[in-house]
Amino acid sequence: MYPDPDSKNLETFKHFYEKVGYCYLVPAYIKDKNKPMDGSNIDFDEDYKLKFNNIDFRKVSDIDSNDIEDIILKKRFTMSPLTGNDN
């Protein structure tokens, strides 16, 4: 993540996650793409929400090659997920 230096979003998320002990990841969609994207034009599909209660906030410098998270730090794969061919 590369948040805006003035953003408090991550700090706020961490605060409430620590206080409550879990969070949900919920798919959201825009109801009408021709209208402004605000709270009244966004809907959530809570039938597919995922509950997380074991988030481990880590710095990149704390992740080594034996950690599963290392895969996201490596160069992106060049194989196309649709065809299986190299790009």
PDB file of N, CA and C in Angstrom:
ATOM      1  N   MET A   1       0.842  -1.185   0.000  1.00  0.00           N
ATOM      2  CA  MET A   1       0.000   0.000   0.000  1.00  0.00           C
ATOM      3  C   MET A   1       0.876   1.232   0.000  1.00  0.00           C
ATOM      4  N   TYR A   2       0.436   2.213  -0.723  1.00  0.00           N
ATOM      5  CA  TYR A   2       1.108   3.496  -0.731  1.00  0.00           C
ATOM      6  C   TYR A   2       0.066   4.578  -0.479  1.00  0.00           C
ATOM      7  N   PRO A   3      -0.421   4.668   0.754  1.00  0.00           N
ATOM      8  CA  PRO A   3      -1.469   5.653   1.039  1.00  0.00           C
ATOM      9  C   PRO A   3      -0.937   7.076   0.980  1.00  0.00           C
ATOM     10  N   ASP A   4      -1.840   7.992   0.740  1.00  0.00           N
ATOM     11  CA  ASP A   4      -1.507   9.409   0.788  1.00  0.00           C
ATOM     12  C   ASP A   4      -0.926   9.698   2.174  1.00  0.00           C
ATOM     13  N   PRO A   5       0.154  10.464   2.248  1.00  0.00           N
ATOM     14  CA  PRO A   5       0.770  10.747   3.553  1.00  0.00           C
ATOM     15  C   PRO A   5      -0.184  11.369   4.574  1.00  0.00           C
ATOM     16  N   ASP A   6      -1.193  12.086   4.105  1.00  0.00           N
ATOM     17  CA  ASP A   6      -2.146  12.730   5.014  1.00  0.00           C
ATOM     18  C   ASP A   6      -3.346  11.842   5.348  1.00  0.00           C
ATOM     19  N   SER A   7      -3.432  10.679   4.710  1.00  0.00           N
ATOM     20  CA  SER A   7      -4.579   9.795   4.915  1.00  0.00           C
ATOM     21  C   SER A   7      -4.533   9.154   6.298  1.00  0.00           C
ATOM     22  N   LYS A   8      -5.685   9.087   6.919  1.00  0.00           N
ATOM     23  CA  LYS A   8      -5.833   8.432   8.223  1.00  0.00           C
ATOM     24  C   LYS A   8      -6.584   7.106   8.081  1.00  0.00           C
ATOM     25  N   ASN A   9      -6.852   6.680   6.837  1.00  0.00           N
ATOM     26  CA  ASN A   9      -7.661   5.480   6.605  1.00  0.00           C
ATOM     27  C   ASN A   9      -7.062   4.225   7.238  1.00  0.00           C
ATOM     28  N   LEU A  10      -5.783   3.962   7.003  1.00  0.00           N
ATOM     29  CA  LEU A  10      -5.164   2.757   7.551  1.00  0.00           C
ATOM     30  C   LEU A  10      -5.113   2.824   9.073  1.00  0.00           C
ATOM     31  N   GLU A  11      -4.756   3.976   9.603  1.00  0.00           N
ATOM     32  CA  GLU A  11      -4.719   4.165  11.055  1.00  0.00           C
ATOM     33  C   GLU A  11      -6.097   3.915  11.673  1.00  0.00           C
ATOM     34  N   THR A  12      -7.134   4.451  11.039  1.00  0.00           N
ATOM     35  CA  THR A  12      -8.504   4.272  11.532  1.00  0.00           C
ATOM     36  C   THR A  12      -8.922   2.810  11.441  1.00  0.00           C
ATOM     37  N   PHE A  13      -8.618   2.157  10.313  1.00  0.00           N
ATOM     38  CA  PHE A  13      -8.949   0.743  10.149  1.00  0.00           C
ATOM     39  C   PHE A  13      -8.278  -0.096  11.232  1.00  0.00           C
ATOM     40  N   LYS A  14      -6.979   0.129  11.450  1.00  0.00           N
ATOM     41  CA  LYS A  14      -6.252  -0.636  12.470  1.00  0.00           C
ATOM     42  C   LYS A  14      -6.851  -0.423  13.855  1.00  0.00           C
ATOM     43  N   HIS A  15      -7.229   0.811  14.152  1.00  0.00           N
ATOM     44  CA  HIS A  15      -7.817   1.126  15.458  1.00  0.00           C
ATOM     45  C   HIS A  15      -9.103   0.323  15.681  1.00  0.00           C
ATOM     46  N   PHE A  16     -10.012   0.380  14.713  1.00  0.00           N
ATOM     47  CA  PHE A  16     -11.287  -0.320  14.879  1.00  0.00           C
ATOM     48  C   PHE A  16     -11.126  -1.837  14.799  1.00  0.00           C
ATOM     49  N   TYR A  17     -10.204  -2.309  13.968  1.00  0.00           N
ATOM     50  CA  TYR A  17      -9.951  -3.752  13.892  1.00  0.00           C
ATOM     51  C   TYR A  17      -9.448  -4.266  15.240  1.00  0.00           C
ATOM     52  N   GLU A  18      -8.536  -3.528  15.860  1.00  0.00           N
ATOM     53  CA  GLU A  18      -8.018  -3.925  17.173  1.00  0.00           C
ATOM     54  C   GLU A  18      -9.120  -3.877  18.235  1.00  0.00           C
ATOM     55  N   LYS A  19      -9.973  -2.878  18.147  1.00  0.00           N
ATOM     56  CA  LYS A  19     -11.046  -2.710  19.135  1.00  0.00           C
ATOM     57  C   LYS A  19     -12.105  -3.810  19.009  1.00  0.00           C
ATOM     58  N   VAL A  20     -12.527  -4.106  17.777  1.00  0.00           N
ATOM     59  CA  VAL A  20     -13.609  -5.066  17.532  1.00  0.00           C
ATOM     60  C   VAL A  20     -13.076  -6.497  17.413  1.00  0.00           C
ATOM     61  N   GLY A  21     -11.914  -6.665  16.806  1.00  0.00           N
ATOM     62  CA  GLY A  21     -11.312  -7.984  16.682  1.00  0.00           C
ATOM     63  C   GLY A  21     -11.586  -8.705  15.377  1.00  0.00           C
ATOM     64  N   TYR A  22     -12.329  -8.083  14.498  1.00  0.00           N
ATOM     65  CA  TYR A  22     -12.599  -8.684  13.190  1.00  0.00           C
ATOM     66  C   TYR A  22     -13.072  -7.599  12.227  1.00  0.00           C
ATOM     67  N   CYS A  23     -13.120  -7.964  10.950  1.00  0.00           N
ATOM     68  CA  CYS A  23     -13.689  -7.073   9.937  1.00  0.00           C
ATOM     69  C   CYS A  23     -14.277  -7.944   8.838  1.00  0.00           C
ATOM     70  N   TYR A  24     -15.060  -7.341   7.989  1.00  0.00           N
ATOM     71  CA  TYR A  24     -15.650  -8.037   6.849  1.00  0.00           C
ATOM     72  C   TYR A  24     -15.163  -7.408   5.552  1.00  0.00           C
ATOM     73  N   LEU A  25     -14.932  -8.236   4.568  1.00  0.00           N
ATOM     74  CA  LEU A  25     -14.682  -7.795   3.208  1.00  0.00           C
ATOM     75  C   LEU A  25     -15.964  -8.111   2.450  1.00  0.00           C
ATOM     76  N   VAL A  26     -16.608  -7.077   1.915  1.00  0.00           N
ATOM     77  CA  VAL A  26     -17.926  -7.228   1.305  1.00  0.00           C
ATOM     78  C   VAL A  26     -17.883  -6.716  -0.134  1.00  0.00           C
ATOM     79  N   PRO A  27     -18.322  -7.527  -1.098  1.00  0.00           N
ATOM     80  CA  PRO A  27     -18.388  -7.040  -2.472  1.00  0.00           C
ATOM     81  C   PRO A  27     -19.358  -5.860  -2.578  1.00  0.00           C
ATOM     82  N   ALA A  28     -18.955  -4.876  -3.345  1.00  0.00           N
ATOM     83  CA  ALA A  28     -19.799  -3.699  -3.554  1.00  0.00           C
ATOM     84  C   ALA A  28     -19.894  -3.427  -5.050  1.00  0.00           C
ATOM     85  N   TYR A  29     -20.971  -2.786  -5.430  1.00  0.00           N
ATOM     86  CA  TYR A  29     -21.133  -2.433  -6.836  1.00  0.00           C
ATOM     87  C   TYR A  29     -21.888  -1.119  -6.959  1.00  0.00           C
ATOM     88  N   ILE A  30     -21.667  -0.463  -8.086  1.00  0.00           N
ATOM     89  CA  ILE A  30     -22.348   0.797  -8.382  1.00  0.00           C
ATOM     90  C   ILE A  30     -23.690   0.454  -9.004  1.00  0.00           C
ATOM     91  N   LYS A  31     -24.752   1.007  -8.459  1.00  0.00           N
ATOM     92  CA  LYS A  31     -26.102   0.714  -8.957  1.00  0.00           C
ATOM     93  C   LYS A  31     -26.325   1.286 -10.350  1.00  0.00           C
ATOM     94  N   ASP A  32     -25.948   2.532 -10.543  1.00  0.00           N
ATOM     95  CA  ASP A  32     -26.170   3.210 -11.821  1.00  0.00           C
ATOM     96  C   ASP A  32     -24.890   3.938 -12.210  1.00  0.00           C
ATOM     97  N   LYS A  33     -24.189   3.417 -13.239  1.00  0.00           N
ATOM     98  CA  LYS A  33     -22.899   3.998 -13.620  1.00  0.00           C
ATOM     99  C   LYS A  33     -23.026   5.414 -14.178  1.00  0.00           C
ATOM    100  N   ASN A  34     -24.234   5.846 -14.479  1.00  0.00           N
ATOM    101  CA  ASN A  34     -24.440   7.200 -14.996  1.00  0.00           C
ATOM    102  C   ASN A  34     -24.659   8.228 -13.889  1.00  0.00           C
ATOM    103  N   LYS A  35     -24.701   7.770 -12.650  1.00  0.00           N
ATOM    104  CA  LYS A  35     -24.890   8.676 -11.516  1.00  0.00           C
ATOM    105  C   LYS A  35     -23.585   8.782 -10.735  1.00  0.00           C
ATOM    106  N   PRO A  36     -23.462   9.813  -9.912  1.00  0.00           N
ATOM    107  CA  PRO A  36     -22.236   9.965  -9.114  1.00  0.00           C
ATOM    108  C   PRO A  36     -22.025   8.773  -8.182  1.00  0.00           C
ATOM    109  N   MET A  37     -20.759   8.454  -7.933  1.00  0.00           N
ATOM    110  CA  MET A  37     -20.439   7.346  -7.045  1.00  0.00           C
ATOM    111  C   MET A  37     -20.411   7.859  -5.607  1.00  0.00           C
ATOM    112  N   ASP A  38     -21.563   7.814  -4.969  1.00  0.00           N
ATOM    113  CA  ASP A  38     -21.661   8.193  -3.566  1.00  0.00           C
ATOM    114  C   ASP A  38     -22.437   7.105  -2.829  1.00  0.00           C
ATOM    115  N   GLY A  39     -22.622   7.278  -1.545  1.00  0.00           N
ATOM    116  CA  GLY A  39     -23.258   6.251  -0.723  1.00  0.00           C
ATOM    117  C   GLY A  39     -24.623   5.807  -1.201  1.00  0.00           C
ATOM    118  N   SER A  40     -25.369   6.709  -1.831  1.00  0.00           N
ATOM    119  CA  SER A  40     -26.713   6.345  -2.283  1.00  0.00           C
ATOM    120  C   SER A  40     -26.692   5.532  -3.578  1.00  0.00           C
ATOM    121  N   ASN A  41     -25.539   5.498  -4.258  1.00  0.00           N
ATOM    122  CA  ASN A  41     -25.444   4.793  -5.531  1.00  0.00           C
ATOM    123  C   ASN A  41     -24.554   3.543  -5.424  1.00  0.00           C
ATOM    124  N   ILE A  42     -24.235   3.146  -4.220  1.00  0.00           N
ATOM    125  CA  ILE A  42     -23.427   1.948  -4.003  1.00  0.00           C
ATOM    126  C   ILE A  42     -24.246   0.949  -3.196  1.00  0.00           C
ATOM    127  N   ASP A  43     -24.193  -0.307  -3.617  1.00  0.00           N
ATOM    128  CA  ASP A  43     -24.891  -1.352  -2.879  1.00  0.00           C
ATOM    129  C   ASP A  43     -23.886  -2.444  -2.525  1.00  0.00           C
ATOM    130  N   PHE A  44     -24.173  -3.177  -1.467  1.00  0.00           N
ATOM    131  CA  PHE A  44     -23.283  -4.216  -0.967  1.00  0.00           C
ATOM    132  C   PHE A  44     -23.996  -5.556  -1.010  1.00  0.00           C
ATOM    133  N   ASP A  45     -23.274  -6.588  -1.402  1.00  0.00           N
ATOM    134  CA  ASP A  45     -23.827  -7.937  -1.453  1.00  0.00           C
ATOM    135  C   ASP A  45     -23.302  -8.721  -0.255  1.00  0.00           C
ATOM    136  N   GLU A  46     -24.002  -8.596   0.868  1.00  0.00           N
ATOM    137  CA  GLU A  46     -23.540  -9.201   2.113  1.00  0.00           C
ATOM    138  C   GLU A  46     -23.666 -10.726   2.126  1.00  0.00           C
ATOM    139  N   ASP A  47     -24.329 -11.299   1.116  1.00  0.00           N
ATOM    140  CA  ASP A  47     -24.395 -12.762   1.029  1.00  0.00           C
ATOM    141  C   ASP A  47     -23.004 -13.361   0.791  1.00  0.00           C
ATOM    142  N   TYR A  48     -22.100 -12.552   0.264  1.00  0.00           N
ATOM    143  CA  TYR A  48     -20.762 -13.031  -0.079  1.00  0.00           C
ATOM    144  C   TYR A  48     -19.669 -12.394   0.771  1.00  0.00           C
ATOM    145  N   LYS A  49     -20.029 -11.878   1.923  1.00  0.00           N
ATOM    146  CA  LYS A  49     -19.031 -11.233   2.782  1.00  0.00           C
ATOM    147  C   LYS A  49     -18.084 -12.276   3.378  1.00  0.00           C
ATOM    148  N   LEU A  50     -16.848 -11.851   3.595  1.00  0.00           N
ATOM    149  CA  LEU A  50     -15.831 -12.693   4.209  1.00  0.00           C
ATOM    150  C   LEU A  50     -15.412 -12.060   5.529  1.00  0.00           C
ATOM    151  N   LYS A  51     -15.372 -12.862   6.574  1.00  0.00           N
ATOM    152  CA  LYS A  51     -14.981 -12.354   7.887  1.00  0.00           C
ATOM    153  C   LYS A  51     -13.501 -12.654   8.119  1.00  0.00           C
ATOM    154  N   PHE A  52     -12.777 -11.635   8.563  1.00  0.00           N
ATOM    155  CA  PHE A  52     -11.364 -11.779   8.889  1.00  0.00           C
ATOM    156  C   PHE A  52     -11.164 -11.468  10.363  1.00  0.00           C
ATOM    157  N   ASN A  53     -10.488 -12.362  11.056  1.00  0.00           N
ATOM    158  CA  ASN A  53     -10.194 -12.099  12.464  1.00  0.00           C
ATOM    159  C   ASN A  53      -8.749 -12.439  12.814  1.00  0.00           C
ATOM    160  N   ASN A  54      -7.912 -12.541  11.791  1.00  0.00           N
ATOM    161  CA  ASN A  54      -6.509 -12.853  12.036  1.00  0.00           C
ATOM    162  C   ASN A  54      -5.578 -12.075  11.106  1.00  0.00           C
ATOM    163  N   ILE A  55      -5.848 -10.816  10.893  1.00  0.00           N
ATOM    164  CA  ILE A  55      -5.006  -9.990  10.034  1.00  0.00           C
ATOM    165  C   ILE A  55      -3.703  -9.699  10.766  1.00  0.00           C
ATOM    166  N   ASP A  56      -2.601  -9.907  10.068  1.00  0.00           N
ATOM    167  CA  ASP A  56      -1.278  -9.646  10.619  1.00  0.00           C
ATOM    168  C   ASP A  56      -0.681  -8.472   9.845  1.00  0.00           C
ATOM    169  N   PHE A  57      -0.624  -7.326  10.459  1.00  0.00           N
ATOM    170  CA  PHE A  57      -0.068  -6.143   9.817  1.00  0.00           C
ATOM    171  C   PHE A  57       1.453  -6.231   9.887  1.00  0.00           C
ATOM    172  N   ARG A  58       2.084  -6.286   8.716  1.00  0.00           N
ATOM    173  CA  ARG A  58       3.533  -6.445   8.660  1.00  0.00           C
ATOM    174  C   ARG A  58       4.152  -5.425   7.728  1.00  0.00           C
ATOM    175  N   LYS A  59       5.396  -5.118   7.996  1.00  0.00           N
ATOM    176  CA  LYS A  59       6.178  -4.274   7.098  1.00  0.00           C
ATOM    177  C   LYS A  59       6.846  -5.189   6.083  1.00  0.00           C
ATOM    178  N   VAL A  60       7.054  -4.678   4.878  1.00  0.00           N
ATOM    179  CA  VAL A  60       7.701  -5.465   3.835  1.00  0.00           C
ATOM    180  C   VAL A  60       9.055  -5.965   4.324  1.00  0.00           C
ATOM    181  N   SER A  61       9.756  -5.146   5.070  1.00  0.00           N
ATOM    182  CA  SER A  61      11.086  -5.535   5.561  1.00  0.00           C
ATOM    183  C   SER A  61      11.036  -6.725   6.517  1.00  0.00           C
ATOM    184  N   ASP A  62       9.862  -7.047   7.053  1.00  0.00           N
ATOM    185  CA  ASP A  62       9.714  -8.182   7.967  1.00  0.00           C
ATOM    186  C   ASP A  62       9.364  -9.488   7.246  1.00  0.00           C
ATOM    187  N   ILE A  63       9.166  -9.421   5.934  1.00  0.00           N
ATOM    188  CA  ILE A  63       8.780 -10.599   5.153  1.00  0.00           C
ATOM    189  C   ILE A  63      10.022 -11.161   4.477  1.00  0.00           C
ATOM    190  N   ASP A  64      10.288 -12.460   4.694  1.00  0.00           N
ATOM    191  CA  ASP A  64      11.437 -13.066   4.023  1.00  0.00           C
ATOM    192  C   ASP A  64      10.961 -14.118   3.023  1.00  0.00           C
ATOM    193  N   SER A  65      11.889 -14.715   2.320  1.00  0.00           N
ATOM    194  CA  SER A  65      11.540 -15.626   1.219  1.00  0.00           C
ATOM    195  C   SER A  65      10.832 -16.893   1.684  1.00  0.00           C
ATOM    196  N   ASN A  66      10.839 -17.190   2.975  1.00  0.00           N
ATOM    197  CA  ASN A  66      10.137 -18.369   3.489  1.00  0.00           C
ATOM    198  C   ASN A  66       8.692 -18.081   3.877  1.00  0.00           C
ATOM    199  N   ASP A  67       8.280 -16.831   3.816  1.00  0.00           N
ATOM    200  CA  ASP A  67       6.910 -16.447   4.166  1.00  0.00           C
ATOM    201  C   ASP A  67       6.020 -16.519   2.935  1.00  0.00           C
ATOM    202  N   ILE A  68       4.785 -16.979   3.119  1.00  0.00           N
ATOM    203  CA  ILE A  68       3.847 -17.079   1.990  1.00  0.00           C
ATOM    204  C   ILE A  68       3.572 -15.707   1.373  1.00  0.00           C
ATOM    205  N   GLU A  69       3.636 -14.660   2.186  1.00  0.00           N
ATOM    206  CA  GLU A  69       3.384 -13.305   1.684  1.00  0.00           C
ATOM    207  C   GLU A  69       4.440 -12.857   0.679  1.00  0.00           C
ATOM    208  N   ASP A  70       5.574 -13.541   0.656  1.00  0.00           N
ATOM    209  CA  ASP A  70       6.661 -13.174  -0.252  1.00  0.00           C
ATOM    210  C   ASP A  70       6.234 -13.246  -1.714  1.00  0.00           C
ATOM    211  N   ILE A  71       5.255 -14.089  -2.011  1.00  0.00           N
ATOM    212  CA  ILE A  71       4.833 -14.251  -3.406  1.00  0.00           C
ATOM    213  C   ILE A  71       4.305 -12.944  -4.000  1.00  0.00           C
ATOM    214  N   ILE A  72       3.702 -12.103  -3.184  1.00  0.00           N
ATOM    215  CA  ILE A  72       3.181 -10.838  -3.715  1.00  0.00           C
ATOM    216  C   ILE A  72       4.286  -9.815  -3.925  1.00  0.00           C
ATOM    217  N   LEU A  73       5.452 -10.072  -3.362  1.00  0.00           N
ATOM    218  CA  LEU A  73       6.567  -9.150  -3.528  1.00  0.00           C
ATOM    219  C   LEU A  73       7.414  -9.493  -4.741  1.00  0.00           C
ATOM    220  N   LYS A  74       7.299 -10.711  -5.227  1.00  0.00           N
ATOM    221  CA  LYS A  74       8.085 -11.142  -6.382  1.00  0.00           C
ATOM    222  C   LYS A  74       7.531 -10.518  -7.664  1.00  0.00           C
ATOM    223  N   LYS A  75       8.348 -10.561  -8.691  1.00  0.00           N
ATOM    224  CA  LYS A  75       7.934 -10.050  -9.992  1.00  0.00           C
ATOM    225  C   LYS A  75       6.667 -10.777 -10.434  1.00  0.00           C
ATOM    226  N   ARG A  76       5.749 -10.047 -11.047  1.00  0.00           N
ATOM    227  CA  ARG A  76       4.496 -10.666 -11.500  1.00  0.00           C
ATOM    228  C   ARG A  76       4.772 -11.762 -12.517  1.00  0.00           C
ATOM    229  N   PHE A  77       3.916 -12.781 -12.475  1.00  0.00           N
ATOM    230  CA  PHE A  77       4.051 -13.870 -13.428  1.00  0.00           C
ATOM    231  C   PHE A  77       3.808 -13.349 -14.836  1.00  0.00           C
ATOM    232  N   THR A  78       4.512 -13.927 -15.807  1.00  0.00           N
ATOM    233  CA  THR A  78       4.331 -13.503 -17.191  1.00  0.00           C
ATOM    234  C   THR A  78       3.347 -14.396 -17.931  1.00  0.00           C
ATOM    235  N   MET A  79       2.893 -15.452 -17.310  1.00  0.00           N
ATOM    236  CA  MET A  79       1.971 -16.363 -17.975  1.00  0.00           C
ATOM    237  C   MET A  79       0.553 -15.801 -17.944  1.00  0.00           C
ATOM    238  N   SER A  80      -0.110 -15.863 -19.062  1.00  0.00           N
ATOM    239  CA  SER A  80      -1.485 -15.401 -19.159  1.00  0.00           C
ATOM    240  C   SER A  80      -2.400 -16.373 -18.424  1.00  0.00           C
ATOM    241  N   PRO A  81      -3.254 -15.875 -17.503  1.00  0.00           N
ATOM    242  CA  PRO A  81      -4.159 -16.774 -16.791  1.00  0.00           C
ATOM    243  C   PRO A  81      -5.235 -17.369 -17.689  1.00  0.00           C
ATOM    244  N   LEU A  82      -5.489 -16.745 -18.834  1.00  0.00           N
ATOM    245  CA  LEU A  82      -6.551 -17.226 -19.719  1.00  0.00           C
ATOM    246  C   LEU A  82      -6.066 -18.300 -20.680  1.00  0.00           C
ATOM    247  N   THR A  83      -4.854 -18.118 -21.217  1.00  0.00           N
ATOM    248  CA  THR A  83      -4.381 -19.051 -22.239  1.00  0.00           C
ATOM    249  C   THR A  83      -3.300 -19.989 -21.743  1.00  0.00           C
ATOM    250  N   GLY A  84      -2.626 -19.611 -20.639  1.00  0.00           N
ATOM    251  CA  GLY A  84      -1.512 -20.417 -20.163  1.00  0.00           C
ATOM    252  C   GLY A  84      -0.231 -20.144 -20.930  1.00  0.00           C
ATOM    253  N   ASN A  85      -0.286 -19.242 -21.917  1.00  0.00           N
ATOM    254  CA  ASN A  85       0.889 -18.904 -22.718  1.00  0.00           C
ATOM    255  C   ASN A  85       1.658 -17.758 -22.082  1.00  0.00           C
ATOM    256  N   ASP A  86       2.952 -17.724 -22.347  1.00  0.00           N
ATOM    257  CA  ASP A  86       3.747 -16.583 -21.903  1.00  0.00           C
ATOM    258  C   ASP A  86       3.353 -15.357 -22.701  1.00  0.00           C
ATOM    259  N   ASN A  87       3.342 -14.218 -22.027  1.00  0.00           N
ATOM    260  CA  ASN A  87       3.030 -12.949 -22.715  1.00  0.00           C
ATOM    261  C   ASN A  87       4.257 -12.402 -23.392  1.00  0.00           C
TER     262      ASN A  87
END
